Amino acid sequence: MANTHYLFWVMFGALTLLFIVIATFVGMSRTAKHGFFTLVVLMAILVAGALYISP
């Protein structure tokens, strides 16, 4: 059986990279301020979700 703790951190890292890419595209299409704000909001949601599901 897979180590769920390891899989959790792999998914956390993958989502972090995805959020950086999304924020980069938002920053390129609008302004850098919008891109940074997007990254902060997405990371806050990710951390809140991680704290919610972790024991």
N, C-alpha and C. Protein backbone atom coordinates (compact mmCIF):
# COMPACT_ATOMS: atom_id res chain seq x y z
N MET A 1 0.84 -1.18 0.00
CA MET A 1 0.00 0.00 0.00
C MET A 1 0.89 1.25 0.00
N ALA A 2 0.44 2.26 -0.72
CA ALA A 2 1.22 3.48 -0.85
C ALA A 2 1.22 4.28 0.46
N ASN A 3 2.29 4.95 0.68
CA ASN A 3 2.40 5.81 1.85
C ASN A 3 1.59 7.08 1.60
N THR A 4 0.50 7.25 2.32
CA THR A 4 -0.39 8.38 2.06
C THR A 4 0.25 9.71 2.42
N HIS A 5 1.14 9.71 3.40
CA HIS A 5 1.83 10.95 3.77
C HIS A 5 2.72 11.42 2.61
N TYR A 6 3.42 10.48 1.98
CA TYR A 6 4.26 10.80 0.83
C TYR A 6 3.41 11.31 -0.32
N LEU A 7 2.31 10.65 -0.61
CA LEU A 7 1.43 11.07 -1.71
C LEU A 7 0.84 12.44 -1.45
N PHE A 8 0.53 12.74 -0.20
CA PHE A 8 0.01 14.06 0.16
C PHE A 8 1.01 15.15 -0.22
N TRP A 9 2.27 14.96 0.13
CA TRP A 9 3.28 15.98 -0.17
C TRP A 9 3.59 16.06 -1.65
N VAL A 10 3.50 14.94 -2.36
CA VAL A 10 3.68 14.97 -3.81
C VAL A 10 2.57 15.80 -4.45
N MET A 11 1.33 15.58 -4.03
CA MET A 11 0.22 16.35 -4.57
C MET A 11 0.31 17.82 -4.15
N PHE A 12 0.75 18.08 -2.95
CA PHE A 12 0.93 19.47 -2.49
C PHE A 12 1.93 20.19 -3.38
N GLY A 13 3.04 19.52 -3.68
CA GLY A 13 4.05 20.11 -4.55
C GLY A 13 3.55 20.31 -5.97
N ALA A 14 2.82 19.33 -6.49
CA ALA A 14 2.29 19.44 -7.85
C ALA A 14 1.28 20.59 -7.94
N LEU A 15 0.43 20.72 -6.95
CA LEU A 15 -0.54 21.82 -6.97
C LEU A 15 0.14 23.17 -6.79
N THR A 16 1.21 23.21 -6.01
CA THR A 16 1.95 24.46 -5.86
C THR A 16 2.54 24.90 -7.20
N LEU A 17 3.13 23.96 -7.93
CA LEU A 17 3.67 24.29 -9.25
C LEU A 17 2.58 24.73 -10.20
N LEU A 18 1.43 24.06 -10.17
CA LEU A 18 0.30 24.45 -11.01
C LEU A 18 -0.17 25.86 -10.67
N PHE A 19 -0.25 26.17 -9.39
CA PHE A 19 -0.70 27.50 -8.98
C PHE A 19 0.30 28.58 -9.42
N ILE A 20 1.60 28.26 -9.39
CA ILE A 20 2.60 29.22 -9.86
C ILE A 20 2.42 29.48 -11.35
N VAL A 21 2.15 28.43 -12.12
CA VAL A 21 1.92 28.60 -13.56
C VAL A 21 0.67 29.43 -13.81
N ILE A 22 -0.40 29.14 -13.09
CA ILE A 22 -1.64 29.91 -13.25
C ILE A 22 -1.40 31.38 -12.91
N ALA A 23 -0.72 31.64 -11.81
CA ALA A 23 -0.44 33.02 -11.40
C ALA A 23 0.45 33.73 -12.42
N THR A 24 1.38 32.99 -13.02
CA THR A 24 2.24 33.58 -14.04
C THR A 24 1.43 34.01 -15.25
N PHE A 25 0.53 33.16 -15.70
CA PHE A 25 -0.30 33.52 -16.85
C PHE A 25 -1.25 34.67 -16.52
N VAL A 26 -1.78 34.68 -15.32
CA VAL A 26 -2.63 35.81 -14.91
C VAL A 26 -1.80 37.09 -14.88
N GLY A 27 -0.59 37.00 -14.35
CA GLY A 27 0.29 38.17 -14.29
C GLY A 27 0.69 38.67 -15.67
N MET A 28 0.86 37.74 -16.63
CA MET A 28 1.22 38.14 -17.98
C MET A 28 0.03 38.76 -18.71
N SER A 29 -1.17 38.27 -18.44
CA SER A 29 -2.34 38.78 -19.16
C SER A 29 -2.88 40.06 -18.54
N ARG A 30 -2.65 40.27 -17.26
CA ARG A 30 -3.12 41.49 -16.59
C ARG A 30 -1.92 42.26 -16.07
N THR A 31 -1.76 42.33 -14.79
CA THR A 31 -0.59 43.00 -14.21
C THR A 31 0.08 42.05 -13.23
N ALA A 32 1.30 42.38 -12.86
CA ALA A 32 2.02 41.55 -11.90
C ALA A 32 1.30 41.52 -10.56
N LYS A 33 0.65 42.62 -10.21
CA LYS A 33 -0.08 42.69 -8.95
C LYS A 33 -1.23 41.67 -8.94
N HIS A 34 -1.95 41.56 -10.04
CA HIS A 34 -3.03 40.57 -10.13
C HIS A 34 -2.48 39.15 -10.05
N GLY A 35 -1.34 38.91 -10.69
CA GLY A 35 -0.73 37.59 -10.64
C GLY A 35 -0.30 37.20 -9.24
N PHE A 36 0.30 38.14 -8.52
CA PHE A 36 0.73 37.87 -7.15
C PHE A 36 -0.48 37.63 -6.25
N PHE A 37 -1.52 38.44 -6.42
CA PHE A 37 -2.74 38.28 -5.63
C PHE A 37 -3.38 36.92 -5.90
N THR A 38 -3.38 36.50 -7.16
CA THR A 38 -3.92 35.18 -7.52
C THR A 38 -3.13 34.08 -6.83
N LEU A 39 -1.80 34.19 -6.84
CA LEU A 39 -0.96 33.18 -6.20
C LEU A 39 -1.23 33.13 -4.69
N VAL A 40 -1.35 34.27 -4.06
CA VAL A 40 -1.61 34.31 -2.62
C VAL A 40 -2.95 33.66 -2.28
N VAL A 41 -3.97 33.97 -3.06
CA VAL A 41 -5.30 33.39 -2.80
C VAL A 41 -5.28 31.88 -3.01
N LEU A 42 -4.68 31.41 -4.10
CA LEU A 42 -4.64 29.97 -4.36
C LEU A 42 -3.83 29.23 -3.30
N MET A 43 -2.70 29.82 -2.87
CA MET A 43 -1.90 29.17 -1.84
C MET A 43 -2.62 29.15 -0.50
N ALA A 44 -3.38 30.21 -0.20
CA ALA A 44 -4.15 30.22 1.05
C ALA A 44 -5.20 29.12 1.03
N ILE A 45 -5.85 28.93 -0.11
CA ILE A 45 -6.85 27.86 -0.23
C ILE A 45 -6.17 26.50 -0.09
N LEU A 46 -4.99 26.33 -0.70
CA LEU A 46 -4.27 25.06 -0.61
C LEU A 46 -3.85 24.76 0.82
N VAL A 47 -3.32 25.75 1.52
CA VAL A 47 -2.89 25.53 2.91
C VAL A 47 -4.09 25.27 3.81
N ALA A 48 -5.17 26.00 3.60
CA ALA A 48 -6.38 25.77 4.41
C ALA A 48 -6.91 24.36 4.18
N GLY A 49 -6.91 23.91 2.94
CA GLY A 49 -7.35 22.55 2.64
C GLY A 49 -6.43 21.51 3.24
N ALA A 50 -5.12 21.77 3.20
CA ALA A 50 -4.16 20.83 3.79
C ALA A 50 -4.33 20.74 5.30
N LEU A 51 -4.56 21.86 5.94
CA LEU A 51 -4.78 21.84 7.39
C LEU A 51 -6.10 21.17 7.74
N TYR A 52 -7.08 21.30 6.87
CA TYR A 52 -8.39 20.69 7.12
C TYR A 52 -8.33 19.17 7.04
N ILE A 53 -7.58 18.64 6.06
CA ILE A 53 -7.58 17.18 5.88
C ILE A 53 -6.49 16.48 6.68
N SER A 54 -5.48 17.21 7.17
CA SER A 54 -4.42 16.56 7.92
C SER A 54 -4.86 16.35 9.37
N PRO A 55 -4.42 15.24 9.94
CA PRO A 55 -4.84 14.94 11.33
C PRO A 55 -4.17 15.83 12.35
